[in-house]
Amino acid sequence: MKYLAGINLAHTEGIEAIVVGSTLASFWVVVARQRQYYSMSDAQGGRITSSPASILGRLVTPFHAITVASVPLSYLAAVLFNRLEQPRWLQETGLLSGGLTIEDEDKALIRTLAAVGVVAITLFHDVSVRTLGKQMHYIGVREKAQVVTTGPYAYVRHPIYT
């Protein structure tokens, strides 16, 4: 047994605590920062002047948000309600459920590296959105539209410019 913040945890519970923590941190950064950047974008870049006219075009962003959030949210609910252990049904849907045998230590390393990867991707997302600055939006054109060519966008073209 290990102790994490004074709580007695088994090895698998400790790994789940790390994964849950990184997932919650990722959600907090994305949701909190998105709201902040959207209000700043509206103030500095102007309102979005044109949006998709079709019903399909208007549904793309909410549908994308729901599909992106559903997997981590279902993971969080399942693990948190099962006292920091993956329920059997969740274990059976994992990548390692196809007959591949991996030792517990290796699984712990893979899960921990994945949790670190989630944090790294979240930080990169935050840098990307911060670089977009007043041009931040998912679908639409702002009143004071400009092409962003700094930060990651000096190397890669953002899809909103296509």
N, C-alpha and C. Protein backbone atom coordinates (compact mmCIF):
# COMPACT_ATOMS: atom_id res chain seq x y z
N MET A 1 0.83 -1.19 0.00
CA MET A 1 0.00 0.00 0.00
C MET A 1 0.88 1.26 0.00
N LYS A 2 0.42 2.23 -0.72
CA LYS A 2 1.10 3.52 -0.76
C LYS A 2 0.17 4.58 -0.19
N TYR A 3 0.76 5.68 0.22
CA TYR A 3 -0.03 6.80 0.72
C TYR A 3 0.07 7.96 -0.25
N LEU A 4 -1.07 8.51 -0.61
CA LEU A 4 -1.13 9.68 -1.47
C LEU A 4 -1.99 10.71 -0.75
N ALA A 5 -1.38 11.79 -0.35
CA ALA A 5 -2.07 12.85 0.40
C ALA A 5 -2.75 12.29 1.65
N GLY A 6 -2.05 11.35 2.31
CA GLY A 6 -2.58 10.77 3.54
C GLY A 6 -3.62 9.69 3.33
N ILE A 7 -3.88 9.31 2.07
CA ILE A 7 -4.86 8.27 1.77
C ILE A 7 -4.11 6.99 1.42
N ASN A 8 -4.51 5.89 2.03
CA ASN A 8 -3.89 4.61 1.80
C ASN A 8 -4.39 4.04 0.47
N LEU A 9 -3.50 3.87 -0.53
CA LEU A 9 -3.89 3.41 -1.86
C LEU A 9 -3.09 2.17 -2.25
N ALA A 10 -3.77 1.23 -2.89
CA ALA A 10 -3.08 0.11 -3.52
C ALA A 10 -2.38 0.63 -4.77
N HIS A 11 -1.48 -0.19 -5.34
CA HIS A 11 -0.72 0.23 -6.52
C HIS A 11 -1.64 0.64 -7.67
N THR A 12 -2.66 -0.18 -7.97
CA THR A 12 -3.55 0.15 -9.09
C THR A 12 -4.37 1.40 -8.79
N GLU A 13 -4.74 1.59 -7.54
CA GLU A 13 -5.49 2.80 -7.17
C GLU A 13 -4.61 4.04 -7.32
N GLY A 14 -3.32 3.90 -7.01
CA GLY A 14 -2.40 5.02 -7.18
C GLY A 14 -2.26 5.43 -8.63
N ILE A 15 -2.17 4.42 -9.52
CA ILE A 15 -2.09 4.70 -10.95
C ILE A 15 -3.37 5.38 -11.42
N GLU A 16 -4.52 4.85 -10.98
CA GLU A 16 -5.80 5.46 -11.37
C GLU A 16 -5.90 6.88 -10.84
N ALA A 17 -5.36 7.14 -9.65
CA ALA A 17 -5.38 8.50 -9.09
C ALA A 17 -4.57 9.45 -9.98
N ILE A 18 -3.45 8.98 -10.50
CA ILE A 18 -2.63 9.80 -11.40
C ILE A 18 -3.39 10.08 -12.69
N VAL A 19 -4.02 9.05 -13.27
CA VAL A 19 -4.74 9.22 -14.53
C VAL A 19 -5.96 10.12 -14.33
N VAL A 20 -6.70 9.90 -13.24
CA VAL A 20 -7.87 10.74 -12.94
C VAL A 20 -7.43 12.19 -12.74
N GLY A 21 -6.34 12.39 -12.01
CA GLY A 21 -5.84 13.75 -11.77
C GLY A 21 -5.46 14.46 -13.05
N SER A 22 -4.77 13.76 -13.95
CA SER A 22 -4.37 14.40 -15.20
C SER A 22 -5.58 14.68 -16.08
N THR A 23 -6.57 13.79 -16.06
CA THR A 23 -7.78 14.01 -16.85
C THR A 23 -8.58 15.20 -16.32
N LEU A 24 -8.73 15.27 -15.00
CA LEU A 24 -9.44 16.41 -14.40
C LEU A 24 -8.70 17.72 -14.66
N ALA A 25 -7.38 17.71 -14.55
CA ALA A 25 -6.59 18.91 -14.81
C ALA A 25 -6.76 19.35 -16.26
N SER A 26 -6.78 18.39 -17.17
CA SER A 26 -6.97 18.70 -18.58
C SER A 26 -8.31 19.37 -18.82
N PHE A 27 -9.37 18.80 -18.25
CA PHE A 27 -10.69 19.41 -18.40
C PHE A 27 -10.72 20.81 -17.81
N TRP A 28 -10.13 20.99 -16.66
CA TRP A 28 -10.15 22.31 -16.01
C TRP A 28 -9.45 23.33 -16.89
N VAL A 29 -8.27 23.00 -17.40
CA VAL A 29 -7.52 23.94 -18.23
C VAL A 29 -8.31 24.28 -19.49
N VAL A 30 -8.81 23.27 -20.17
CA VAL A 30 -9.51 23.51 -21.44
C VAL A 30 -10.77 24.33 -21.22
N VAL A 31 -11.61 23.93 -20.28
CA VAL A 31 -12.88 24.64 -20.07
C VAL A 31 -12.65 26.05 -19.54
N ALA A 32 -11.83 26.18 -18.52
CA ALA A 32 -11.59 27.50 -17.92
C ALA A 32 -10.93 28.45 -18.91
N ARG A 33 -9.92 27.97 -19.61
CA ARG A 33 -9.21 28.84 -20.55
C ARG A 33 -10.05 29.17 -21.78
N GLN A 34 -10.84 28.20 -22.27
CA GLN A 34 -11.66 28.47 -23.44
C GLN A 34 -12.61 29.64 -23.17
N ARG A 35 -13.25 29.62 -22.03
CA ARG A 35 -14.18 30.72 -21.69
C ARG A 35 -13.43 32.05 -21.64
N GLN A 36 -12.24 32.03 -21.03
CA GLN A 36 -11.44 33.24 -20.92
C GLN A 36 -11.03 33.75 -22.31
N TYR A 37 -10.57 32.86 -23.18
CA TYR A 37 -10.11 33.27 -24.50
C TYR A 37 -11.27 33.70 -25.40
N TYR A 38 -12.42 33.07 -25.26
CA TYR A 38 -13.57 33.49 -26.06
C TYR A 38 -14.01 34.90 -25.71
N SER A 39 -14.06 35.23 -24.42
CA SER A 39 -14.47 36.59 -24.06
C SER A 39 -13.42 37.60 -24.51
N MET A 40 -12.13 37.26 -24.40
CA MET A 40 -11.08 38.16 -24.88
C MET A 40 -11.16 38.30 -26.40
N SER A 41 -11.43 37.20 -27.10
CA SER A 41 -11.52 37.24 -28.56
C SER A 41 -12.66 38.13 -29.02
N ASP A 42 -13.80 38.01 -28.35
CA ASP A 42 -14.94 38.87 -28.70
C ASP A 42 -14.62 40.33 -28.47
N ALA A 43 -13.91 40.63 -27.38
CA ALA A 43 -13.59 42.03 -27.07
C ALA A 43 -12.56 42.61 -28.03
N GLN A 44 -11.53 41.84 -28.39
CA GLN A 44 -10.43 42.37 -29.19
C GLN A 44 -10.57 42.09 -30.69
N GLY A 45 -11.10 40.92 -31.04
CA GLY A 45 -11.18 40.54 -32.45
C GLY A 45 -12.52 40.83 -33.09
N GLY A 46 -13.46 41.28 -32.29
CA GLY A 46 -14.79 41.54 -32.81
C GLY A 46 -15.64 40.29 -32.78
N ARG A 47 -16.90 40.50 -33.00
CA ARG A 47 -17.84 39.39 -32.99
C ARG A 47 -17.65 38.50 -34.21
N ILE A 48 -18.16 37.30 -34.14
CA ILE A 48 -18.13 36.42 -35.29
C ILE A 48 -19.23 36.89 -36.24
N THR A 49 -18.82 37.24 -37.47
CA THR A 49 -19.76 37.84 -38.41
C THR A 49 -20.45 36.83 -39.31
N SER A 50 -19.79 35.73 -39.60
CA SER A 50 -20.45 34.73 -40.43
C SER A 50 -20.24 33.36 -39.82
N SER A 51 -21.32 32.62 -39.76
CA SER A 51 -21.29 31.26 -39.23
C SER A 51 -21.93 30.35 -40.26
N PRO A 52 -21.75 29.06 -40.11
CA PRO A 52 -22.38 28.14 -41.06
C PRO A 52 -23.90 28.33 -41.09
N ALA A 53 -24.47 28.27 -42.28
CA ALA A 53 -25.91 28.47 -42.43
C ALA A 53 -26.70 27.17 -42.33
N SER A 54 -26.08 26.07 -42.71
CA SER A 54 -26.81 24.80 -42.71
C SER A 54 -26.94 24.25 -41.29
N ILE A 55 -27.94 23.41 -41.08
CA ILE A 55 -28.13 22.79 -39.78
C ILE A 55 -26.94 21.91 -39.44
N LEU A 56 -26.39 21.21 -40.42
CA LEU A 56 -25.23 20.36 -40.20
C LEU A 56 -24.03 21.21 -39.77
N GLY A 57 -23.83 22.33 -40.43
CA GLY A 57 -22.73 23.23 -40.07
C GLY A 57 -22.84 23.76 -38.65
N ARG A 58 -24.08 24.06 -38.23
CA ARG A 58 -24.27 24.58 -36.87
C ARG A 58 -24.13 23.49 -35.81
N LEU A 59 -24.30 22.23 -36.20
CA LEU A 59 -24.19 21.13 -35.25
C LEU A 59 -22.78 20.58 -35.09
N VAL A 60 -21.87 20.95 -35.99
CA VAL A 60 -20.52 20.38 -35.97
C VAL A 60 -19.81 20.65 -34.66
N THR A 61 -19.75 21.88 -34.20
CA THR A 61 -19.00 22.20 -32.98
C THR A 61 -19.59 21.55 -31.74
N PRO A 62 -20.90 21.63 -31.47
CA PRO A 62 -21.41 20.93 -30.29
C PRO A 62 -21.25 19.42 -30.38
N PHE A 63 -21.44 18.85 -31.57
CA PHE A 63 -21.26 17.41 -31.73
C PHE A 63 -19.81 17.01 -31.45
N HIS A 64 -18.88 17.80 -31.97
CA HIS A 64 -17.46 17.54 -31.72
C HIS A 64 -17.15 17.61 -30.23
N ALA A 65 -17.67 18.62 -29.55
CA ALA A 65 -17.41 18.77 -28.12
C ALA A 65 -17.97 17.59 -27.33
N ILE A 66 -19.15 17.14 -27.68
CA ILE A 66 -19.76 16.01 -26.97
C ILE A 66 -18.96 14.74 -27.20
N THR A 67 -18.57 14.48 -28.43
CA THR A 67 -17.83 13.25 -28.70
C THR A 67 -16.45 13.27 -28.08
N VAL A 68 -15.79 14.41 -28.08
CA VAL A 68 -14.46 14.51 -27.48
C VAL A 68 -14.54 14.33 -25.96
N ALA A 69 -15.57 14.87 -25.33
CA ALA A 69 -15.68 14.81 -23.87
C ALA A 69 -16.27 13.51 -23.35
N SER A 70 -17.00 12.77 -24.17
CA SER A 70 -17.73 11.60 -23.66
C SER A 70 -16.82 10.50 -23.14
N VAL A 71 -15.72 10.20 -23.82
CA VAL A 71 -14.85 9.11 -23.38
C VAL A 71 -14.17 9.44 -22.05
N PRO A 72 -13.49 10.58 -21.92
CA PRO A 72 -12.87 10.85 -20.61
C PRO A 72 -13.89 11.02 -19.49
N LEU A 73 -15.05 11.60 -19.78
CA LEU A 73 -16.06 11.76 -18.73
C LEU A 73 -16.61 10.41 -18.28
N SER A 74 -16.82 9.49 -19.21
CA SER A 74 -17.30 8.17 -18.81
C SER A 74 -16.23 7.43 -18.03
N TYR A 75 -14.96 7.60 -18.40
CA TYR A 75 -13.86 7.01 -17.63
C TYR A 75 -13.85 7.57 -16.21
N LEU A 76 -13.93 8.89 -16.09
CA LEU A 76 -13.91 9.52 -14.75
C LEU A 76 -15.06 9.03 -13.90
N ALA A 77 -16.25 8.98 -14.46
CA ALA A 77 -17.42 8.53 -13.69
C ALA A 77 -17.24 7.09 -13.25
N ALA A 78 -16.80 6.22 -14.16
CA ALA A 78 -16.66 4.80 -13.83
C ALA A 78 -15.61 4.58 -12.73
N VAL A 79 -14.47 5.24 -12.86
CA VAL A 79 -13.39 5.02 -11.89
C VAL A 79 -13.69 5.69 -10.56
N LEU A 80 -14.23 6.89 -10.58
CA LEU A 80 -14.51 7.58 -9.32
C LEU A 80 -15.62 6.88 -8.54
N PHE A 81 -16.63 6.37 -9.22
CA PHE A 81 -17.70 5.66 -8.53
C PHE A 81 -17.31 4.25 -8.12
N ASN A 82 -16.18 3.77 -8.61
CA ASN A 82 -15.70 2.43 -8.26
C ASN A 82 -14.47 2.52 -7.35
N ARG A 83 -14.35 3.59 -6.62
CA ARG A 83 -13.28 3.81 -5.63
C ARG A 83 -11.88 3.68 -6.22
N LEU A 84 -11.62 4.40 -7.30
CA LEU A 84 -10.32 4.46 -7.97
C LEU A 84 -9.84 3.12 -8.50
N GLU A 85 -10.75 2.31 -8.95
CA GLU A 85 -10.40 1.08 -9.64
C GLU A 85 -11.25 1.00 -10.90
N GLN A 86 -10.63 0.53 -11.99
CA GLN A 86 -11.39 0.38 -13.23
C GLN A 86 -12.37 -0.77 -13.09
N PRO A 87 -13.64 -0.55 -13.40
CA PRO A 87 -14.58 -1.66 -13.41
C PRO A 87 -14.19 -2.68 -14.49
N ARG A 88 -14.62 -3.89 -14.34
CA ARG A 88 -14.27 -4.97 -15.28
C ARG A 88 -14.66 -4.59 -16.72
N TRP A 89 -15.87 -4.01 -16.91
CA TRP A 89 -16.30 -3.66 -18.27
C TRP A 89 -15.36 -2.65 -18.91
N LEU A 90 -14.77 -1.75 -18.11
CA LEU A 90 -13.84 -0.76 -18.64
C LEU A 90 -12.51 -1.42 -18.99
N GLN A 91 -12.06 -2.34 -18.17
CA GLN A 91 -10.82 -3.07 -18.46
C GLN A 91 -10.95 -3.86 -19.75
N GLU A 92 -12.12 -4.42 -19.98
CA GLU A 92 -12.34 -5.24 -21.17
C GLU A 92 -12.41 -4.43 -22.45
N THR A 93 -12.58 -3.12 -22.36
CA THR A 93 -12.62 -2.28 -23.56
C THR A 93 -11.29 -1.60 -23.83
N GLY A 94 -10.29 -1.83 -22.98
CA GLY A 94 -8.99 -1.19 -23.12
C GLY A 94 -8.16 -1.78 -24.24
N LEU A 95 -7.10 -1.10 -24.57
CA LEU A 95 -6.20 -1.55 -25.63
C LEU A 95 -5.52 -2.87 -25.29
N LEU A 96 -5.35 -3.15 -24.03
CA LEU A 96 -4.63 -4.36 -23.62
C LEU A 96 -5.57 -5.53 -23.40
N SER A 97 -6.79 -5.47 -23.88
CA SER A 97 -7.75 -6.54 -23.64
C SER A 97 -7.77 -7.57 -24.77
N GLY A 98 -6.98 -7.40 -25.80
CA GLY A 98 -7.02 -8.30 -26.95
C GLY A 98 -6.11 -9.50 -26.84
N GLY A 99 -5.82 -9.97 -25.65
CA GLY A 99 -4.98 -11.15 -25.48
C GLY A 99 -3.51 -10.82 -25.28
N LEU A 100 -3.13 -9.57 -25.39
CA LEU A 100 -1.75 -9.16 -25.17
C LEU A 100 -1.46 -9.18 -23.68
N THR A 101 -0.38 -9.84 -23.29
CA THR A 101 -0.04 -9.95 -21.87
C THR A 101 1.07 -8.95 -21.55
N ILE A 102 0.78 -8.08 -20.60
CA ILE A 102 1.77 -7.09 -20.15
C ILE A 102 1.79 -7.14 -18.63
N GLU A 103 2.99 -7.12 -18.09
CA GLU A 103 3.15 -7.16 -16.63
C GLU A 103 2.55 -5.90 -16.00
N ASP A 104 2.14 -6.02 -14.73
CA ASP A 104 1.52 -4.89 -14.03
C ASP A 104 2.43 -3.67 -13.98
N GLU A 105 3.74 -3.88 -13.80
CA GLU A 105 4.68 -2.75 -13.74
C GLU A 105 4.71 -2.02 -15.07
N ASP A 106 4.68 -2.79 -16.17
CA ASP A 106 4.69 -2.17 -17.49
C ASP A 106 3.38 -1.43 -17.76
N LYS A 107 2.26 -2.02 -17.32
CA LYS A 107 0.97 -1.33 -17.46
C LYS A 107 1.00 -0.02 -16.69
N ALA A 108 1.56 -0.06 -15.49
CA ALA A 108 1.64 1.16 -14.68
C ALA A 108 2.48 2.22 -15.38
N LEU A 109 3.59 1.80 -15.99
CA LEU A 109 4.44 2.75 -16.71
C LEU A 109 3.69 3.34 -17.91
N ILE A 110 3.01 2.48 -18.66
CA ILE A 110 2.26 2.95 -19.83
C ILE A 110 1.17 3.94 -19.41
N ARG A 111 0.42 3.60 -18.36
CA ARG A 111 -0.66 4.47 -17.88
C ARG A 111 -0.10 5.80 -17.37
N THR A 112 1.04 5.74 -16.66
CA THR A 112 1.64 6.97 -16.14
C THR A 112 2.14 7.84 -17.29
N LEU A 113 2.79 7.22 -18.28
CA LEU A 113 3.25 8.00 -19.44
C LEU A 113 2.07 8.59 -20.21
N ALA A 114 0.96 7.85 -20.29
CA ALA A 114 -0.23 8.39 -20.94
C ALA A 114 -0.77 9.59 -20.18
N ALA A 115 -0.75 9.53 -18.85
CA ALA A 115 -1.21 10.65 -18.04
C ALA A 115 -0.32 11.87 -18.25
N VAL A 116 0.99 11.65 -18.33
CA VAL A 116 1.91 12.75 -18.62
C VAL A 116 1.64 13.30 -20.02
N GLY A 117 1.35 12.40 -20.96
CA GLY A 117 1.01 12.83 -22.32
C GLY A 117 -0.24 13.69 -22.36
N VAL A 118 -1.24 13.35 -21.56
CA VAL A 118 -2.47 14.15 -21.49
C VAL A 118 -2.13 15.57 -21.02
N VAL A 119 -1.28 15.67 -20.00
CA VAL A 119 -0.89 16.99 -19.50
C VAL A 119 -0.12 17.75 -20.57
N ALA A 120 0.79 17.08 -21.26
CA ALA A 120 1.58 17.74 -22.31
C ALA A 120 0.69 18.22 -23.46
N ILE A 121 -0.24 17.40 -23.89
CA ILE A 121 -1.15 17.79 -24.97
C ILE A 121 -2.04 18.96 -24.53
N THR A 122 -2.47 18.93 -23.27
CA THR A 122 -3.29 20.02 -22.75
C THR A 122 -2.50 21.33 -22.75
N LEU A 123 -1.25 21.26 -22.35
CA LEU A 123 -0.41 22.47 -22.36
C LEU A 123 -0.19 22.97 -23.78
N PHE A 124 0.02 22.05 -24.73
CA PHE A 124 0.18 22.46 -26.13
C PHE A 124 -1.11 23.09 -26.65
N HIS A 125 -2.25 22.53 -26.29
CA HIS A 125 -3.54 23.11 -26.67
C HIS A 125 -3.67 24.52 -26.12
N ASP A 126 -3.27 24.70 -24.86
CA ASP A 126 -3.35 26.02 -24.24
C ASP A 126 -2.45 27.03 -24.97
N VAL A 127 -1.24 26.61 -25.33
CA VAL A 127 -0.33 27.49 -26.07
C VAL A 127 -0.93 27.83 -27.43
N SER A 128 -1.51 26.85 -28.09
CA SER A 128 -2.11 27.08 -29.42
C SER A 128 -3.26 28.08 -29.34
N VAL A 129 -4.13 27.89 -28.35
CA VAL A 129 -5.28 28.79 -28.21
C VAL A 129 -4.82 30.18 -27.81
N ARG A 130 -3.83 30.26 -26.92
CA ARG A 130 -3.30 31.56 -26.50
C ARG A 130 -2.66 32.28 -27.70
N THR A 131 -1.99 31.54 -28.58
CA THR A 131 -1.37 32.14 -29.76
C THR A 131 -2.44 32.68 -30.71
N LEU A 132 -3.55 31.96 -30.84
CA LEU A 132 -4.64 32.46 -31.68
C LEU A 132 -5.17 33.79 -31.16
N GLY A 133 -5.14 33.94 -29.83
CA GLY A 133 -5.54 35.20 -29.21
C GLY A 133 -6.89 35.69 -29.65
N LYS A 134 -6.92 36.90 -30.20
CA LYS A 134 -8.19 37.53 -30.56
C LYS A 134 -8.87 36.86 -31.75
N GLN A 135 -8.19 35.93 -32.40
CA GLN A 135 -8.78 35.22 -33.54
C GLN A 135 -9.42 33.89 -33.14
N MET A 136 -9.44 33.59 -31.84
CA MET A 136 -9.95 32.30 -31.37
C MET A 136 -11.42 32.11 -31.70
N HIS A 137 -11.74 31.03 -32.41
CA HIS A 137 -13.11 30.58 -32.67
C HIS A 137 -13.00 29.23 -33.35
N TYR A 138 -14.09 28.49 -33.35
CA TYR A 138 -14.06 27.18 -34.01
C TYR A 138 -14.63 27.25 -35.41
N ILE A 139 -15.77 27.86 -35.57
CA ILE A 139 -16.35 27.99 -36.90
C ILE A 139 -16.92 29.39 -37.02
N GLY A 140 -16.45 30.14 -37.99
CA GLY A 140 -16.93 31.49 -38.22
C GLY A 140 -15.79 32.44 -38.52
N VAL A 141 -16.14 33.64 -38.90
CA VAL A 141 -15.15 34.67 -39.23
C VAL A 141 -15.39 35.86 -38.31
N ARG A 142 -14.32 36.38 -37.71
CA ARG A 142 -14.42 37.54 -36.83
C ARG A 142 -14.43 38.83 -37.63
N GLU A 143 -14.94 39.91 -37.01
CA GLU A 143 -14.99 41.23 -37.66
C GLU A 143 -13.61 41.72 -38.05
N LYS A 144 -12.63 41.52 -37.18
CA LYS A 144 -11.26 41.98 -37.43
C LYS A 144 -10.37 40.77 -37.70
N ALA A 145 -10.71 39.99 -38.70
CA ALA A 145 -10.00 38.74 -39.00
C ALA A 145 -8.57 38.99 -39.47
N GLN A 146 -7.65 38.19 -38.94
CA GLN A 146 -6.25 38.22 -39.35
C GLN A 146 -5.72 36.80 -39.32
N VAL A 147 -4.76 36.50 -40.18
CA VAL A 147 -4.12 35.20 -40.17
C VAL A 147 -3.02 35.21 -39.11
N VAL A 148 -3.02 34.23 -38.22
CA VAL A 148 -2.02 34.12 -37.16
C VAL A 148 -0.85 33.32 -37.72
N THR A 149 0.37 33.90 -37.65
CA THR A 149 1.56 33.24 -38.20
C THR A 149 2.67 33.11 -37.17
N THR A 150 2.32 33.18 -35.89
CA THR A 150 3.32 33.04 -34.83
C THR A 150 3.06 31.77 -34.04
N GLY A 151 3.98 31.45 -33.14
CA GLY A 151 3.83 30.26 -32.30
C GLY A 151 3.78 29.01 -33.16
N PRO A 152 2.93 28.04 -32.81
CA PRO A 152 2.85 26.82 -33.61
C PRO A 152 2.36 27.09 -35.03
N TYR A 153 1.66 28.20 -35.23
CA TYR A 153 1.11 28.52 -36.54
C TYR A 153 2.15 29.10 -37.49
N ALA A 154 3.37 29.28 -37.03
CA ALA A 154 4.47 29.63 -37.92
C ALA A 154 4.89 28.40 -38.73
N TYR A 155 4.56 27.21 -38.23
CA TYR A 155 4.96 25.95 -38.87
C TYR A 155 3.78 25.18 -39.47
N VAL A 156 2.61 25.35 -38.87
CA VAL A 156 1.43 24.59 -39.29
C VAL A 156 0.28 25.56 -39.50
N ARG A 157 -0.45 25.38 -40.56
CA ARG A 157 -1.61 26.24 -40.82
C ARG A 157 -2.80 25.72 -40.02
N HIS A 158 -3.47 26.60 -39.33
CA HIS A 158 -4.64 26.21 -38.54
C HIS A 158 -5.80 25.93 -39.49
N PRO A 159 -6.60 24.89 -39.20
CA PRO A 159 -7.71 24.54 -40.10
C PRO A 159 -8.74 25.64 -40.31
N ILE A 160 -8.84 26.61 -39.39
CA ILE A 160 -9.85 27.65 -39.58
C ILE A 160 -9.51 28.56 -40.75
N TYR A 161 -8.27 28.46 -41.28
CA TYR A 161 -7.89 29.30 -42.40
C TYR A 161 -8.19 28.65 -43.74
N THR A 162 -8.71 27.43 -43.76
CA THR A 162 -8.94 26.75 -45.04
C THR A 162 -10.32 27.08 -45.56
